Protein backbone atom coordinates (compact mmCIF):
# COMPACT_ATOMS: atom_id res chain seq x y z
CA UNK A 1 110.82 113.98 89.04
CA UNK A 2 107.03 114.54 89.27
CA UNK A 3 106.30 115.51 85.71
CA UNK A 4 105.88 112.53 83.40
CA UNK A 5 106.96 112.81 79.71
CA UNK A 6 104.42 113.56 77.30
CA UNK A 7 105.00 112.35 73.80
CA UNK A 8 103.25 112.82 70.72
CA UNK A 9 100.98 109.95 69.64
CA UNK A 10 101.63 108.57 66.09
CA UNK A 11 98.87 108.65 63.69
CA UNK A 12 96.58 105.93 63.81
CA UNK A 13 94.69 104.28 61.10
CA UNK A 14 90.98 104.76 60.96
CA UNK A 15 88.99 102.45 63.01
CA UNK A 16 85.73 101.82 64.39
CA UNK A 17 84.48 103.92 67.25
CA UNK A 18 86.12 103.05 70.40
CA UNK A 19 84.12 101.70 73.41
CA UNK A 20 83.43 103.63 76.44
CA UNK A 21 86.21 101.64 78.24
CA UNK A 22 88.87 101.99 75.64
CA UNK A 23 87.97 105.66 75.53
CA UNK A 24 88.83 106.11 79.12
CA UNK A 25 92.11 104.49 78.96
CA UNK A 26 95.16 106.59 77.83
CA UNK A 27 96.50 105.56 74.49
CA UNK A 28 99.82 103.70 73.90
CA UNK A 29 103.00 105.66 73.84
CA UNK A 30 101.58 108.55 75.99
CA UNK A 31 101.58 108.88 79.62
CA UNK A 32 99.56 111.26 81.67
CA UNK A 33 101.50 113.91 83.51
CA UNK A 34 101.44 113.47 87.16
CA UNK A 35 101.89 117.32 88.02
CA UNK A 36 101.54 120.31 85.87
CA UNK A 37 104.40 122.80 85.08
CA UNK A 38 102.30 125.54 86.66
CA UNK A 39 102.18 123.49 90.03
CA UNK A 40 106.02 123.40 89.81
CA UNK A 41 106.38 127.04 89.13
CA UNK A 42 104.01 127.99 91.91
CA UNK A 43 106.00 125.67 94.13
CA UNK A 44 109.03 127.52 93.42
CA UNK A 45 107.56 130.91 94.05
CA UNK A 46 106.44 129.32 97.45
CA UNK A 47 109.78 127.80 98.04
CA UNK A 48 111.54 131.21 97.68
CA UNK A 49 108.81 133.15 99.63
CA UNK A 50 109.04 130.69 102.44
CA UNK A 51 112.62 131.15 102.76
CA UNK A 52 111.71 134.66 103.42
CA UNK A 53 109.05 134.42 105.76
CA UNK A 54 110.33 131.60 107.86
CA UNK A 55 113.47 133.53 108.41
CA UNK A 56 111.14 135.98 110.25
CA UNK A 57 108.94 133.47 111.83
CA UNK A 58 111.88 131.45 113.19
CA UNK A 59 113.21 134.53 115.32
CA UNK A 60 109.99 136.35 115.88
CA UNK A 61 108.79 134.53 119.07
CA UNK A 62 112.37 134.98 120.69
CA UNK A 63 112.79 138.58 119.40
CA UNK A 64 109.36 139.60 120.91
CA UNK A 65 109.51 137.58 124.15
CA UNK A 66 113.10 137.94 125.00
CA UNK A 67 114.09 140.88 123.04
CA UNK A 68 111.13 142.99 123.51
CA UNK A 69 109.79 141.68 126.84
CA UNK A 70 106.35 140.93 125.73
CA UNK A 71 104.07 138.83 128.05
CA UNK A 72 102.52 135.51 126.76
CA UNK A 73 99.37 137.34 126.63
CA UNK A 74 100.78 140.16 124.31
CA UNK A 75 102.69 137.73 122.21
CA UNK A 76 99.56 135.75 121.84
CA UNK A 77 97.75 138.86 120.43
CA UNK A 78 100.55 139.49 117.92
CA UNK A 79 100.93 135.55 116.96
CA UNK A 80 96.99 135.77 116.42
CA UNK A 81 97.26 138.58 114.15
CA UNK A 82 100.18 136.99 112.21
CA UNK A 83 98.34 133.63 111.76
CA UNK A 84 94.80 134.85 111.84
CA UNK A 85 94.53 138.38 110.51
CA UNK A 86 94.64 137.06 106.64
CA UNK A 87 91.18 135.65 107.22
CA UNK A 88 89.76 139.07 107.03
CA UNK A 89 90.98 139.35 103.45
CA UNK A 90 90.90 135.87 102.14
CA UNK A 91 87.44 136.12 100.77
CA UNK A 92 88.53 139.36 99.07
CA UNK A 93 91.38 137.95 97.48
CA UNK A 94 89.50 134.97 96.21
CA UNK A 95 86.61 137.08 94.96
CA UNK A 96 89.05 139.45 92.89
CA UNK A 97 90.61 136.49 91.34
CA UNK A 98 87.31 134.90 90.28
CA UNK A 99 85.61 138.12 89.26
CA UNK A 100 88.65 139.26 87.25
CA UNK A 101 88.10 136.40 84.74
CA UNK A 102 91.58 134.40 85.32
CA UNK A 103 93.39 137.15 87.32
CA UNK A 104 94.54 134.64 89.94
CA UNK A 105 98.09 135.34 89.07
CA UNK A 106 97.98 139.06 89.58
CA UNK A 107 95.99 138.85 92.64
CA UNK A 108 98.27 136.52 94.24
CA UNK A 109 101.42 138.74 93.02
CA UNK A 110 99.82 141.64 94.96
CA UNK A 111 99.63 139.64 97.99
CA UNK A 112 103.30 138.55 97.56
CA UNK A 113 104.63 141.91 96.86
CA UNK A 114 102.68 143.54 99.97
CA UNK A 115 104.15 140.85 102.16
CA UNK A 116 107.61 141.48 100.72
CA UNK A 117 107.32 145.27 101.23
CA UNK A 118 106.67 144.59 105.15
CA UNK A 119 109.97 142.88 105.93
CA UNK A 120 112.14 145.90 106.35
CA UNK A 121 109.51 147.70 108.33
CA UNK A 122 110.11 145.41 111.13
CA UNK A 123 113.50 147.32 111.55
CA UNK A 124 111.78 150.34 112.75
CA UNK A 125 108.99 148.99 114.75
CA UNK A 126 109.82 148.41 118.51
CA UNK A 127 106.55 148.44 120.41
CA UNK A 128 103.43 146.50 120.11
CA UNK A 129 101.36 148.66 118.27
CA UNK A 130 103.74 149.43 115.19
CA UNK A 131 104.69 145.75 115.22
CA UNK A 132 100.99 144.68 115.27
CA UNK A 133 100.38 147.01 112.09
CA UNK A 134 103.47 145.57 110.34
CA UNK A 135 102.44 142.04 111.07
CA UNK A 136 98.56 142.98 109.90
CA UNK A 137 99.69 144.30 106.70
CA UNK A 138 102.14 141.36 106.15
CA UNK A 139 99.30 138.79 106.71
CA UNK A 140 97.03 140.79 104.49
CA UNK A 141 99.50 140.09 101.80
CA UNK A 142 99.11 136.32 102.50
CA UNK A 143 95.38 136.45 102.71
CA UNK A 144 95.23 137.85 99.21
CA UNK A 145 97.49 135.42 97.66
CA UNK A 146 96.45 132.05 99.42
CA UNK A 147 93.30 131.36 97.69
CA UNK A 148 94.33 132.47 94.17
CA UNK A 149 97.51 130.36 94.36
CA UNK A 150 95.57 127.41 95.60
CA UNK A 151 92.89 127.71 92.77
CA UNK A 152 95.65 128.05 90.28
CA UNK A 153 97.19 124.64 91.50
CA UNK A 154 93.55 123.20 91.51
CA UNK A 155 92.58 124.54 88.12
CA UNK A 156 95.92 123.13 86.50
CA UNK A 157 95.42 119.64 88.07
CA UNK A 158 93.13 116.94 87.27
CA UNK A 159 90.61 115.66 89.81
CA UNK A 160 92.29 112.24 90.38
CA UNK A 161 95.69 113.97 90.86
CA UNK A 162 94.70 116.97 93.02
CA UNK A 163 95.80 115.55 96.16
CA UNK A 164 99.42 114.80 94.69
CA UNK A 165 99.61 118.24 93.08
CA UNK A 166 99.00 119.81 96.34
CA UNK A 167 101.33 117.59 98.17
CA UNK A 168 103.98 118.37 95.67
CA UNK A 169 103.34 122.13 96.29
CA UNK A 170 103.34 121.84 99.93
CA UNK A 171 106.69 119.77 99.91
CA UNK A 172 108.34 122.56 97.78
CA UNK A 173 106.87 125.28 99.87
CA UNK A 174 108.10 123.41 103.07
CA UNK A 175 111.62 123.06 101.57
CA UNK A 176 111.71 126.86 101.91
CA UNK A 177 110.21 126.67 105.34
CA UNK A 178 113.41 124.23 105.96
CA UNK A 179 115.86 126.62 104.52
CA UNK A 180 114.58 129.75 106.22
CA UNK A 181 115.28 129.20 109.87
CA UNK A 182 118.74 127.72 109.02
CA UNK A 183 119.38 130.84 107.01
CA UNK A 184 118.16 132.97 109.97
CA UNK A 185 120.37 130.73 112.32
CA UNK A 186 123.50 131.29 110.19
CA UNK A 187 122.85 135.21 109.91
CA UNK A 188 122.37 135.36 113.80
CA UNK A 189 125.65 133.63 114.48
CA UNK A 190 127.74 135.82 111.84
CA UNK A 191 126.40 139.29 112.59
CA UNK A 192 126.25 141.57 115.53
CA UNK A 193 122.74 143.11 115.00
CA UNK A 194 121.49 139.81 113.85
CA UNK A 195 117.67 140.56 113.87
CA UNK A 196 118.00 143.72 111.68
CA UNK A 197 120.16 141.46 109.21
CA UNK A 198 117.54 138.73 109.46
CA UNK A 199 114.72 141.12 108.40
CA UNK A 200 116.72 142.80 105.51
CA UNK A 201 117.76 139.55 103.98
CA UNK A 202 114.28 138.37 104.29
CA UNK A 203 113.13 141.43 102.05
CA UNK A 204 115.56 140.75 99.49
CA UNK A 205 114.52 136.93 99.13
CA UNK A 206 110.98 137.82 98.90
CA UNK A 207 111.57 140.42 96.07
CA UNK A 208 113.13 137.41 94.22
CA UNK A 209 109.83 135.26 94.67
CA UNK A 210 107.67 137.85 93.32
CA UNK A 211 109.94 138.14 90.35
CA UNK A 212 109.70 134.47 89.54
CA UNK A 213 105.93 134.62 89.88
CA UNK A 214 105.62 137.36 87.37
CA UNK A 215 108.00 135.74 84.86
CA UNK A 216 107.02 131.98 85.00
CA UNK A 217 103.65 131.41 86.40
CA UNK A 218 100.98 131.46 83.83
CA UNK A 219 97.24 133.06 84.56
CA UNK A 220 94.35 131.18 85.66
CA UNK A 221 92.74 130.68 82.15
CA UNK A 222 96.13 129.55 80.75
CA UNK A 223 96.56 127.00 83.88
CA UNK A 224 93.06 125.61 83.14
CA UNK A 225 93.94 125.13 79.43
CA UNK A 226 97.16 123.39 80.73
CA UNK A 227 95.16 121.06 82.71
CA UNK A 228 93.14 120.25 79.65
CA UNK A 229 96.17 119.25 78.06
CA UNK A 230 97.38 117.28 80.90
CA UNK A 231 94.03 115.21 81.09
CA UNK A 232 94.11 114.48 77.51
CA UNK A 233 94.48 110.91 76.67
CA UNK A 234 95.30 110.70 73.15
CA UNK A 235 94.48 111.74 69.64
CA UNK A 236 90.94 112.15 69.02
CA UNK A 237 90.06 112.68 72.83
CA UNK A 238 88.14 115.70 73.82
CA UNK A 239 90.18 118.72 75.13
CA UNK A 240 87.90 120.72 77.67
CA UNK A 241 88.40 124.37 78.17
CA UNK A 242 86.91 126.94 80.10
CA UNK A 243 85.06 128.46 77.24
CA UNK A 244 84.03 125.39 75.25
CA UNK A 245 85.02 122.14 73.80
CA UNK A 246 86.19 121.03 70.45
CA UNK A 247 85.79 117.75 68.76
CA UNK A 248 88.41 116.12 66.52
CA UNK A 249 87.28 112.91 65.55
CA UNK A 250 89.87 110.74 63.68
CA UNK A 251 89.36 109.12 60.25
CA UNK A 252 88.91 110.20 56.65
CA UNK A 253 86.54 112.73 55.78
CA UNK A 254 85.96 113.63 59.46
CA UNK A 255 84.52 116.91 60.47
CA UNK A 256 86.14 119.48 62.62
CA UNK A 257 84.02 121.31 64.86
CA UNK A 258 85.38 124.55 66.10
CA UNK A 259 85.37 125.37 69.90
CA UNK A 260 82.06 127.21 70.68
CA UNK A 261 79.51 127.20 73.60
CA UNK A 262 76.68 126.11 71.47
CA UNK A 263 76.50 124.46 68.11
CA UNK A 264 75.35 121.29 66.25
CA UNK A 265 77.27 119.17 63.83
CA UNK A 266 75.48 118.26 60.60
CA UNK A 267 75.65 114.53 60.23
CA UNK A 268 74.17 111.66 61.66
CA UNK A 269 74.61 112.85 65.26
CA UNK A 270 74.22 116.39 66.84
CA UNK A 271 75.74 118.61 69.57
CA UNK A 272 73.41 121.00 71.22
CA UNK A 273 73.34 123.20 74.40
CA UNK A 274 76.07 124.94 76.14
CA UNK A 275 79.32 123.06 76.28
CA UNK A 276 81.11 122.68 79.45
CA UNK A 277 84.08 120.97 80.83
CA UNK A 278 84.06 118.85 83.92
CA UNK A 279 84.47 121.86 86.33
CA UNK A 280 82.19 124.47 84.38
CA UNK A 281 79.21 125.83 86.03
CA UNK A 282 77.10 126.47 82.86
CA UNK A 283 76.10 123.29 81.42
CA UNK A 284 76.27 119.54 81.63
CA UNK A 285 77.19 116.76 79.38
CA UNK A 286 75.11 113.68 78.25
CA UNK A 287 76.64 110.33 78.41
CA UNK A 288 76.44 109.24 74.67
CA UNK A 289 76.04 110.62 71.32
CA UNK A 290 76.86 110.02 67.79
CA UNK A 291 78.54 111.79 65.02
CA UNK A 292 79.22 111.20 61.42
CA UNK A 293 81.00 112.72 58.35
CA UNK A 294 81.98 111.71 54.91
CA UNK A 295 83.78 108.82 56.58
CA UNK A 296 80.62 107.49 57.92
CA UNK A 297 81.69 107.34 61.47
CA UNK A 298 79.26 106.99 64.04
CA UNK A 299 78.86 105.15 67.45
CA UNK A 300 78.35 106.01 71.16
CA UNK A 301 81.23 107.85 73.29
CA UNK A 302 81.10 107.96 77.00
CA UNK A 303 83.54 108.88 79.87
CA UNK A 304 86.49 110.97 79.24
CA UNK A 305 86.13 111.15 75.38
CA UNK A 306 82.29 111.82 75.14
CA UNK A 307 81.44 115.15 73.52
CA UNK A 308 77.67 114.72 73.10
CA UNK A 309 76.37 117.87 75.07
CA UNK A 310 72.79 118.24 76.27
CA UNK A 311 71.28 121.34 77.76
CA UNK A 312 67.95 120.82 79.51
CA UNK A 313 65.49 122.63 77.45
CA UNK A 314 68.20 124.67 75.46
CA UNK A 315 67.93 125.16 71.96
CA UNK A 316 70.66 124.16 69.64
CA UNK A 317 72.80 126.82 68.26
CA UNK A 318 74.90 127.11 65.03
CA UNK A 319 78.47 126.06 65.11
CA UNK A 320 81.11 126.36 62.39
CA UNK A 321 81.47 123.12 60.62
CA UNK A 322 84.42 122.82 58.47
CA UNK A 323 84.66 119.20 56.44
CA UNK A 324 87.85 117.68 54.98
CA UNK A 325 86.93 118.71 51.46
CA UNK A 326 87.15 122.36 52.68
CA UNK A 327 83.41 123.39 52.27
CA UNK A 328 81.74 125.31 55.05
CA UNK A 329 78.24 124.36 55.96
CA UNK A 330 77.81 126.74 58.89
CA UNK A 331 78.26 130.09 60.12
CA UNK A 332 80.82 130.30 62.87
CA UNK A 333 79.54 131.36 66.27
CA UNK A 334 81.60 132.99 69.15
CA UNK A 335 81.46 131.67 72.73
CA UNK A 336 78.51 132.99 74.67
CA UNK A 337 79.75 135.57 77.37
CA UNK A 338 79.90 133.75 80.77
CA UNK A 339 78.21 135.82 83.72
CA UNK A 340 80.83 137.22 86.12
CA UNK A 341 80.99 135.56 89.29
CA UNK A 342 79.38 137.54 92.23
CA UNK A 343 80.21 137.57 96.00
CA UNK A 344 76.60 136.52 96.77
CA UNK A 345 77.36 133.39 94.56
CA UNK A 346 80.58 132.60 96.39
CA UNK A 347 78.87 132.83 99.69
CA UNK A 348 75.88 130.69 98.38
CA UNK A 349 78.50 128.05 97.90
CA UNK A 350 78.07 127.37 101.56
CA UNK A 351 74.55 125.77 100.66
CA UNK A 352 76.47 123.08 99.19
CA UNK A 353 76.36 120.16 101.76
CA UNK A 354 79.82 118.71 101.26
CA UNK A 355 81.50 122.25 101.26
CA UNK A 356 79.59 123.16 104.31
CA UNK A 357 80.59 120.25 106.33
CA UNK A 358 84.22 120.75 105.12
CA UNK A 359 84.15 124.49 106.15
CA UNK A 360 82.55 123.75 109.70
CA UNK A 361 84.98 120.98 110.49
CA UNK A 362 88.00 123.04 109.48
CA UNK A 363 86.81 125.74 111.70
CA UNK A 364 86.17 123.35 114.76
CA UNK A 365 89.63 121.93 114.63
CA UNK A 366 91.19 125.25 114.10
CA UNK A 367 89.71 126.19 117.43
CA UNK A 368 92.47 123.63 119.01
CA UNK A 369 95.30 123.98 116.82
CA UNK A 370 97.96 125.84 118.97
CA UNK A 371 100.22 128.22 116.99
CA UNK A 372 103.63 126.78 115.79
CA UNK A 373 105.43 129.69 117.98
CA UNK A 374 103.80 128.29 120.97
CA UNK A 375 104.69 124.72 120.43
CA UNK A 376 108.41 125.89 120.00
CA UNK A 377 108.59 127.86 123.06
CA UNK A 378 107.00 124.99 125.00
CA UNK A 379 109.68 122.71 123.62
CA UNK A 380 112.47 125.33 124.62
CA UNK A 381 111.16 125.35 128.07
CA UNK A 382 110.99 121.66 128.65
CA UNK A 383 114.35 120.82 127.19
CA UNK A 384 116.16 124.25 128.26
CA UNK A 385 117.23 124.99 124.67
CA UNK A 386 119.61 128.01 124.56
CA UNK A 387 118.18 131.29 122.72
CA UNK A 388 120.91 130.97 119.93
CA UNK A 389 119.54 127.29 119.03
CA UNK A 390 115.80 128.25 119.22
CA UNK A 391 115.85 129.32 115.33
CA UNK A 392 116.48 125.67 114.65
CA UNK A 393 113.35 124.21 116.22
CA UNK A 394 111.21 124.91 113.18
CA UNK A 395 113.58 122.66 111.10
CA UNK A 396 112.27 119.55 112.81
CA UNK A 397 108.54 120.37 111.54
CA UNK A 398 109.67 121.54 108.10
CA UNK A 399 111.54 118.22 107.69
CA UNK A 400 108.67 115.99 108.64
CA UNK A 401 106.31 118.12 106.43
CA UNK A 402 108.82 117.93 103.27
CA UNK A 403 109.00 114.10 103.71
CA UNK A 404 105.48 113.37 104.14
CA UNK A 405 103.48 115.80 102.03
CA UNK A 406 103.77 113.96 98.78
CA UNK A 407 103.14 110.60 100.27
CA UNK A 408 100.19 111.62 102.18
CA UNK A 409 98.72 113.60 99.37
CA UNK A 410 98.87 110.44 97.30
CA UNK A 411 97.28 108.46 100.04
CA UNK A 412 94.40 110.86 100.39
CA UNK A 413 93.96 110.45 96.75
CA UNK A 414 93.60 106.79 97.13
CA UNK A 415 92.08 106.16 100.38
CA UNK A 416 90.04 109.16 100.84
CA UNK A 417 90.93 112.67 101.78
CA UNK A 418 88.74 113.19 104.84
CA UNK A 419 90.30 110.06 106.55
CA UNK A 420 93.84 111.62 106.08
CA UNK A 421 92.69 114.86 107.13
CA UNK A 422 91.12 113.67 110.54
CA UNK A 423 94.11 111.44 110.85
CA UNK A 424 96.56 114.41 110.83
CA UNK A 425 94.79 115.90 113.82
CA UNK A 426 95.20 112.71 115.49
CA UNK A 427 98.85 113.30 115.08
CA UNK A 428 98.84 116.71 116.46
CA UNK A 429 96.98 115.47 119.57
CA UNK A 430 99.47 112.76 120.21
CA UNK A 431 102.14 115.61 119.97
CA UNK A 432 100.17 117.50 122.62
CA UNK A 433 100.05 114.22 124.81
CA UNK A 434 104.02 114.01 124.45
CA UNK A 435 104.53 117.64 125.47
CA UNK A 436 102.30 116.94 128.68
CA UNK A 437 104.28 113.74 129.48
CA UNK A 438 107.25 113.34 131.70
CA UNK A 439 109.38 112.19 128.71
CA UNK A 440 112.53 114.10 128.40
CA UNK A 441 115.51 114.54 126.18
CA UNK A 442 116.25 114.86 122.51
CA UNK A 443 114.20 111.94 121.45
CA UNK A 444 111.08 113.60 122.83
CA UNK A 445 111.73 116.74 121.06
CA UNK A 446 112.11 114.82 117.69
CA UNK A 447 109.04 112.95 118.32
CA UNK A 448 106.98 116.11 118.92
CA UNK A 449 108.51 117.83 115.93
CA UNK A 450 108.00 114.60 113.71
CA UNK A 451 104.33 114.35 114.85
CA UNK A 452 103.79 118.21 114.22
CA UNK A 453 105.11 118.15 110.79
CA UNK A 454 102.97 115.23 109.96
CA UNK A 455 100.00 116.91 110.90
CA UNK A 456 100.77 119.58 108.53
CA UNK A 457 101.54 117.11 105.76
CA UNK A 458 98.18 115.36 106.32
CA UNK A 459 95.96 118.52 106.61
CA UNK A 460 97.27 121.48 104.70
CA UNK A 461 97.11 120.56 101.00
CA UNK A 462 94.64 117.56 101.57
CA UNK A 463 91.88 120.03 102.97
CA UNK A 464 92.39 122.19 99.94
CA UNK A 465 92.03 119.15 97.63
CA UNK A 466 88.97 118.15 99.29
CA UNK A 467 87.52 121.47 99.04
CA UNK A 468 88.32 121.85 95.26
CA UNK A 469 86.15 118.86 94.66
CA UNK A 470 83.28 120.65 95.75
CA UNK A 471 83.62 123.98 93.97
CA UNK A 472 82.91 124.87 90.44
CA UNK A 473 86.10 126.32 88.54
CA UNK A 474 84.20 129.59 88.18
CA UNK A 475 84.31 130.10 91.95
CA UNK A 476 87.28 128.09 92.89
CA UNK A 477 89.20 131.03 94.48
CA UNK A 478 86.08 132.02 96.40
CA UNK A 479 85.31 128.54 97.64
CA UNK A 480 88.70 127.79 99.01
CA UNK A 481 88.69 131.13 100.55
CA UNK A 482 85.59 130.14 102.37
CA UNK A 483 87.29 127.19 104.21
CA UNK A 484 90.58 129.18 104.65
CA UNK A 485 88.69 132.21 106.40
CA UNK A 486 86.90 129.94 109.05
CA UNK A 487 90.16 127.96 109.85
CA UNK A 488 92.24 131.23 109.97
CA UNK A 489 89.85 132.82 112.30
CA UNK A 490 89.44 129.90 114.50
CA UNK A 491 93.25 129.84 114.79
CA UNK A 492 93.23 133.40 115.49
CA UNK A 493 90.82 132.71 118.37
CA UNK A 494 93.11 129.88 119.59
CA UNK A 495 96.10 132.02 119.84
CA UNK A 496 94.55 134.62 121.83
CA UNK A 497 92.88 132.15 124.14
CA UNK A 498 95.95 130.02 124.64
CA UNK A 499 97.96 133.23 125.40
CA UNK A 500 95.46 134.16 127.92
CA UNK A 501 95.31 130.77 129.39
CA UNK A 502 99.09 130.60 129.56
CA UNK A 503 99.32 134.05 131.31
CA UNK A 504 96.53 133.17 133.81
CA UNK A 505 97.10 129.54 134.51
CA UNK A 506 100.37 128.42 133.09
CA UNK A 507 101.69 126.62 129.99
CA UNK A 508 100.78 123.24 131.06
CA UNK A 509 97.03 123.97 132.24
CA UNK A 510 96.66 125.88 128.80
CA UNK A 511 97.97 123.01 126.72
CA UNK A 512 95.83 120.31 128.67
CA UNK A 513 92.63 122.60 127.67
CA UNK A 514 93.81 122.66 124.18
CA UNK A 515 94.27 118.80 123.97
CA UNK A 516 90.81 118.27 125.57
CA UNK A 517 89.30 120.61 123.11
CA UNK A 518 91.05 119.05 120.06
CA UNK A 519 89.79 115.33 121.05
CA UNK A 520 86.19 116.84 121.25
CA UNK A 521 86.38 118.31 117.76
CA UNK A 522 88.01 115.70 116.14
CA UNK A 523 85.04 113.43 117.36
CA UNK A 524 82.68 116.07 115.93
CA UNK A 525 84.63 116.15 112.68
CA UNK A 526 84.23 112.29 112.36
CA UNK A 527 80.42 112.76 112.59
CA UNK A 528 80.26 115.82 110.33
CA UNK A 529 82.45 114.24 107.71
CA UNK A 530 81.24 114.90 103.88
CA UNK A 531 77.91 113.02 103.10
CA UNK A 532 79.62 111.27 100.02
CA UNK A 533 83.12 111.47 98.30
CA UNK A 534 83.21 114.91 96.86
CA UNK A 535 83.37 115.13 92.82
CA UNK A 536 83.64 117.91 90.69
CA UNK A 537 80.53 120.13 90.83
CA UNK A 538 78.81 122.03 88.06
CA UNK A 539 76.49 125.03 87.93
CA UNK A 540 76.69 128.28 89.75
CA UNK A 541 74.53 128.55 92.93
């Protein structure tokens, strides 16, 4: 549904060098893929994993408050751990994925496996301390996997389709969130020891998700190569990759320049300096260049198919040049080793104005984002929902998220990601207002859940797409982890504060304070919006 067909292009007769405009357009007979297969594979993993995690999340508030008798403050502490503890390890997960040279898949896999191992431990945890430790370990796994997973989505997508790619992934993820509470509800109705059965089935489903990741998701380098193929617009187009770029000019007697980081093509034009793709941090491209072979092909190329590379002050290096007659005129040279990303370079990404503003805004808005569990508990109190139906409340949020994730992702690509992101918090503010109003009945609950799901659809993937545009590919996991860490820490503080305010002054006063804080933070976010639309950045900081 989301991946367009990619058919091979029929060989074309030699022609004059195409103009810049024609080079930027896809060739006839080939459609650009909307979403890479890596995104769909990761979406499947997230769907299965979310069935597992949302089975637990759906019953956990009632299990802790009604089953174990925790106070709102104690529940707020555990909920803060569950939603915010991952912030402590997100930077670690992002840095390990970047420093490992494309090990995004394996770092994410370790996170998924750790979370799966924690599910059966809930069977033996009955008091605040052991439950807190189990939840902390579970969220550690989430912290390890989130940034590498989102980096894989970003690296396997083109910038113009990144919002849609994240929207598709979040929609598949939310399909699991929709099924998880339903499975938990059915288990609770069919078994005597319902909570124990939920935790055990959740563990089995999580193991399946880990297996799908290991078997079907490519690594970081393979995902980036797949993105290069997705962005290819036809024969003769440049196929960038993380280690270099190769030119395959069409026409008789055309030269074939083997991929390398440095090199020159003997002819009427030259290639010099370190080669780089649009997300690389080690070089930059010039706007025009020329090349010729025995077929006398020369002309300016620009846009997506330009391959003239110029490094400021960089001397040209040798490249393997193989002409059509089979004669070698140069010695092959391998790609220069890229410096390994460091934690200092990752933290220095905050010197970039666009990324810094995005991170600050995510942190401010996270301070007023009340946890989902508190929203569902407030709905239950207002409507008097029986305990056995409580597990179905997350279905409303998940259904709205599922329906709106892809449309809002596409809207963000077209109209601006920041507008959609801040607009999503406006939907959350309206949901708070409905909870504080005197409107009662099923319609009120449906409206709150619709706005709640719309908030996630407009912010979750859209924020990652916006941040990806300001981070070089070599530090993509670390850059996304910086934004996620600030947001997760802020939500951890919000959970603690909201639980304390509910215990001290009541739920209505606590929600009123959160609504006022959210309105103020939204105004600040509008003022701190990125200076200009984010574009893929080049160069390590």
